[in-house]
Protein backbone atom coordinates (compact mmCIF):
# COMPACT_ATOMS: atom_id res chain seq x y z
CA MET A 1 4.02 -10.17 -8.88
CA LYS A 2 7.16 -8.96 -7.06
CA LYS A 3 8.20 -6.80 -10.04
CA ARG A 4 4.70 -5.31 -10.14
CA LEU A 5 4.90 -4.37 -6.45
CA ILE A 6 8.28 -2.70 -6.98
CA ALA A 7 6.89 -0.75 -9.93
CA ILE A 8 3.93 0.45 -7.85
CA HIS A 9 6.24 1.70 -5.10
CA VAL A 10 8.48 3.60 -7.53
CA VAL A 11 5.49 5.16 -9.30
CA SER A 12 4.15 6.36 -5.94
CA ILE A 13 7.44 8.20 -5.29
CA ILE A 14 7.40 9.74 -8.77
CA LEU A 15 3.79 10.85 -8.28
CA LEU A 16 4.84 12.36 -4.95
CA LEU A 17 7.53 14.40 -6.68
CA ALA A 18 5.25 15.48 -9.50
CA ILE A 19 2.56 16.66 -7.11
CA GLY A 20 5.17 18.37 -4.95
CA PHE A 21 6.23 20.51 -7.89
CA PHE A 22 2.87 22.25 -8.00
CA ILE A 23 1.41 21.93 -4.52
CA GLY A 24 -2.05 23.47 -4.28
CA GLN A 25 -2.79 22.80 -7.93
CA TYR A 26 -0.90 19.55 -8.55
CA ALA A 27 1.24 19.09 -11.60
CA LEU A 28 -0.20 20.67 -14.73
CA ARG A 29 -0.76 17.28 -16.28
CA TYR A 30 -3.07 16.40 -13.37
CA ILE A 31 -4.74 19.76 -12.86
CA TYR A 32 -7.78 19.03 -15.03
CA ILE A 33 -8.43 15.50 -13.81
CA VAL A 34 -8.11 15.95 -10.04
CA PRO A 35 -11.33 17.27 -8.47
CA GLN A 36 -11.04 20.37 -6.28
CA SER A 37 -12.23 18.30 -3.31
CA LEU A 38 -9.17 16.06 -3.60
CA ARG A 39 -6.58 18.81 -3.87
CA PRO A 40 -4.44 19.58 -0.78
CA GLN A 41 -6.02 21.79 1.84
CA ILE A 42 -4.37 23.54 4.75
CA ILE A 43 -4.83 21.80 8.08
CA GLN A 44 -5.85 24.56 10.48
CA GLN A 45 -3.36 25.19 13.26
CA GLN A 46 -2.23 28.15 15.29
CA GLU A 47 0.68 30.36 14.24
CA VAL A 48 3.55 28.93 16.27
CA ASP A 49 7.30 28.63 16.11
CA SER A 50 8.74 25.51 14.54
CA THR A 51 6.86 22.39 15.55
CA VAL A 52 6.90 18.71 14.65
CA VAL A 53 4.78 16.45 12.46
CA ASP A 54 4.32 13.38 14.67
CA LYS A 55 2.95 10.45 12.68
CA GLU A 56 2.89 6.70 12.93
CA GLY A 57 6.41 5.57 12.18
CA PHE A 58 8.17 8.95 12.09
CA ALA A 59 8.42 12.55 13.26
CA VAL A 60 9.82 15.56 11.38
CA LEU A 61 10.22 19.31 11.86
CA ILE A 62 7.77 21.89 10.50
CA PRO A 63 9.54 25.28 10.18
CA THR A 64 7.99 28.47 11.52
CA GLY A 65 5.23 29.74 9.21
CA TRP A 66 4.90 26.45 7.30
CA ARG A 67 1.74 24.35 7.49
CA GLU A 68 0.83 20.73 7.12
CA VAL A 69 -1.60 20.16 4.25
CA VAL A 70 -3.88 17.20 3.68
CA PRO A 71 -1.77 14.68 1.70
CA ILE A 72 -3.02 12.58 -1.18
CA GLN A 73 -3.56 8.86 -0.68
CA GLY A 74 -0.27 7.02 -0.30
CA VAL A 75 1.61 10.05 1.04
CA SER A 76 2.32 10.08 4.76
CA ALA A 77 2.63 13.87 5.19
CA THR A 78 2.92 17.05 3.14
CA VAL A 79 4.10 20.41 4.50
CA ALA A 80 4.13 23.70 2.55
CA ASN A 81 5.40 27.23 3.09
CA VAL A 82 1.90 28.63 2.66
CA SER A 83 2.97 32.20 3.43
CA GLU A 84 5.68 32.22 0.75
CA GLU A 85 5.68 35.19 -1.60
CA VAL A 86 6.52 33.66 -4.96
CA SER A 87 8.27 36.10 -7.31
CA ASP A 88 8.64 33.80 -10.33
CA GLU A 89 5.63 34.57 -12.54
CA THR A 90 5.44 31.05 -14.00
CA LEU A 91 5.36 29.48 -10.54
CA LYS A 92 2.92 32.10 -9.28
CA LYS A 93 0.43 31.18 -12.02
CA MET A 94 0.70 27.56 -10.88
CA ASN A 95 -0.03 28.53 -7.27
CA PHE A 96 3.30 26.93 -6.37
CA LYS A 97 4.55 26.93 -2.78
CA THR A 98 7.86 25.50 -1.58
CA ASN A 99 7.06 22.20 0.09
CA TYR A 100 8.13 18.75 1.20
CA SER A 101 6.34 15.41 1.33
CA ILE A 102 7.10 12.08 2.94
CA THR A 103 6.30 8.58 1.72
CA TYR A 104 6.94 5.10 3.03
CA ASP A 105 8.24 2.18 0.97
CA ASN A 106 9.68 -1.28 1.47
CA LEU A 107 13.03 -2.33 0.05
CA GLN A 108 11.63 -5.72 -0.98
CA ASN A 109 15.07 -7.21 -0.21
CA LYS A 110 16.81 -4.84 -2.64
CA THR A 111 20.04 -3.16 -1.62
CA LYS A 112 19.99 0.58 -1.04
CA GLN A 113 22.05 1.12 -4.20
CA ASP A 114 19.66 -1.00 -6.29
CA TYR A 115 16.74 0.98 -4.90
CA ILE A 116 18.44 4.30 -5.76
CA SER A 117 19.33 3.16 -9.29
CA ASN A 118 15.79 1.94 -9.92
CA LEU A 119 14.35 5.23 -8.66
CA LYS A 120 16.66 7.37 -10.80
CA ASN A 121 16.04 5.31 -13.94
CA SER A 122 12.29 5.56 -13.45
CA LEU A 123 12.48 9.32 -12.89
CA LYS A 124 14.47 9.71 -16.11
CA GLN A 125 11.80 7.80 -18.03
CA MET A 126 8.83 9.65 -16.58
CA MET A 127 10.44 13.09 -16.31
CA PRO A 128 12.71 13.48 -19.35
CA GLY A 129 15.30 16.17 -18.84
CA ILE A 130 15.65 15.74 -15.07
CA LEU A 131 19.23 16.51 -14.07
CA PHE A 132 20.83 14.76 -11.10
CA LEU A 133 23.38 17.27 -9.79
CA THR A 134 24.87 15.82 -6.62
CA GLU A 135 24.47 12.69 -4.53
CA LYS A 136 25.85 11.71 -1.16
CA ASN A 137 25.44 9.29 1.73
CA MET A 138 24.11 10.70 4.98
CA THR A 139 23.47 9.61 8.54
CA ILE A 140 20.13 10.85 9.88
CA ASN A 141 19.58 10.33 13.60
CA GLY A 142 21.58 7.11 13.46
CA ASN A 143 19.87 5.82 10.31
CA ASP A 144 21.43 5.22 6.91
CA GLY A 145 20.44 7.98 4.48
CA TYR A 146 21.08 9.22 0.96
CA ALA A 147 20.55 12.62 -0.65
CA ILE A 148 20.01 13.47 -4.32
CA GLU A 149 19.89 17.07 -5.55
CA ALA A 150 18.18 17.49 -8.92
CA GLN A 151 16.60 20.01 -11.27
CA VAL A 152 13.65 19.55 -13.59
CA ALA A 153 11.76 21.78 -16.01
CA GLN A 154 8.02 21.33 -16.35
CA ARG A 155 6.18 23.51 -18.88
CA GLY A 156 8.44 26.49 -18.38
CA ALA A 157 8.85 26.13 -14.63
CA ASP A 158 12.34 25.42 -13.29
CA ILE A 159 12.21 23.39 -10.08
CA SER A 160 15.01 22.38 -7.74
CA VAL A 161 14.48 19.12 -5.90
CA LEU A 162 16.11 17.44 -2.92
CA ILE A 163 15.27 13.76 -2.44
CA VAL A 164 16.37 12.29 0.88
CA LEU A 165 16.06 8.55 1.49
CA VAL A 166 16.13 7.28 5.07
CA LYS A 167 16.40 3.58 5.82
CA GLY A 168 14.33 2.70 8.85
CA LYS A 169 13.81 -0.58 10.64
CA ASN A 170 14.21 -3.84 8.76
CA GLN A 171 13.17 -3.19 5.13
CA ASP A 172 11.59 0.23 5.74
CA MET A 173 12.56 3.07 3.41
CA TRP A 174 11.29 6.62 3.89
CA THR A 175 11.51 9.29 1.17
CA ILE A 176 11.43 13.04 1.85
CA ALA A 177 10.99 15.07 -1.34
CA PHE A 178 11.69 18.82 -1.11
CA ASN A 179 10.64 21.15 -3.96
CA THR A 180 11.31 24.84 -4.57
CA GLY A 181 11.80 27.21 -7.48
CA LYS A 182 15.30 27.01 -8.95
CA SER A 183 15.88 30.70 -8.20
CA ASN A 184 15.16 30.04 -4.50
CA TRP A 185 17.37 26.98 -4.12
CA ASN A 186 20.18 28.77 -2.26
CA THR A 187 17.63 30.31 0.10
CA TYR A 188 16.09 26.97 1.05
CA LYS A 189 18.90 24.44 0.64
CA GLU A 190 20.34 24.64 4.16
CA GLY A 191 16.87 24.56 5.71
CA PHE A 192 15.91 21.50 3.65
CA TYR A 193 18.90 19.61 5.00
CA GLN A 194 18.07 20.71 8.55
CA ILE A 195 14.53 19.39 8.15
CA ALA A 196 15.89 16.11 6.76
CA GLN A 197 18.26 15.84 9.75
CA SER A 198 15.28 16.26 12.08
CA PHE A 199 13.61 13.15 10.65
CA THR A 200 13.19 10.53 13.38
CA VAL A 201 12.20 6.93 12.73
CA LYS A 202 10.05 5.45 15.48
C-alpha cells in the first residue's frame, strides 16, 4: 500500500510537468482525451504589477503580466505568461505559454535524496530522452530546497524545465515546475529562480 501511495505521488508530479509543457492545450498525448471544459482557463484579474498567489499552505510571486489559470485536480496552482509572444512555430501551434505549477506531496519518511532519485528515475521512464543538466541544493526562505534544470523534447518541441523542490513542515514537500521553450531559457532563467525564492511555506 505504501509503495502504491509513493507511485501515485510521483505520477502526479510527472503529470504536472507534462501538462506544464503545453499549457492551454495540455501535452499532445492528452489533447484528444481532455474535454475543453477541463482545460486551464484564465482566472480574471486586473492588470497589475507583480502580485502574489496566496493559497492554503504557501504563497508565491506572480510576475507582472502573468496570470493564474485554473489548475487541474491535484495541482495547487498554475501561473502562465498569457501575454507571451511565442516565436517558435512548433510551440505556437501547441498554444504553448511559459508557465509554472505547484504541487504538494508528502515524503512518506523518505530522505530528500531518496525522493529526488525516485523522481528522476520515474521521469526517465515516462519521458525518455529527458536530460538532467544541473542540480544544486538551495535555501528558500529558510526552508531546505533543491533545483534541477532539465531539457526534454516532445514531438519536435524543445522544452527547458526547472524543477524546484521545497521541504516544508514535517514531511511536506512542495514542487514548483517551470517550463519554457529551450530558445527562451536564458530570458526566463533568472526570473524562474526569483519566483522560486519568493516561495513561502505557511
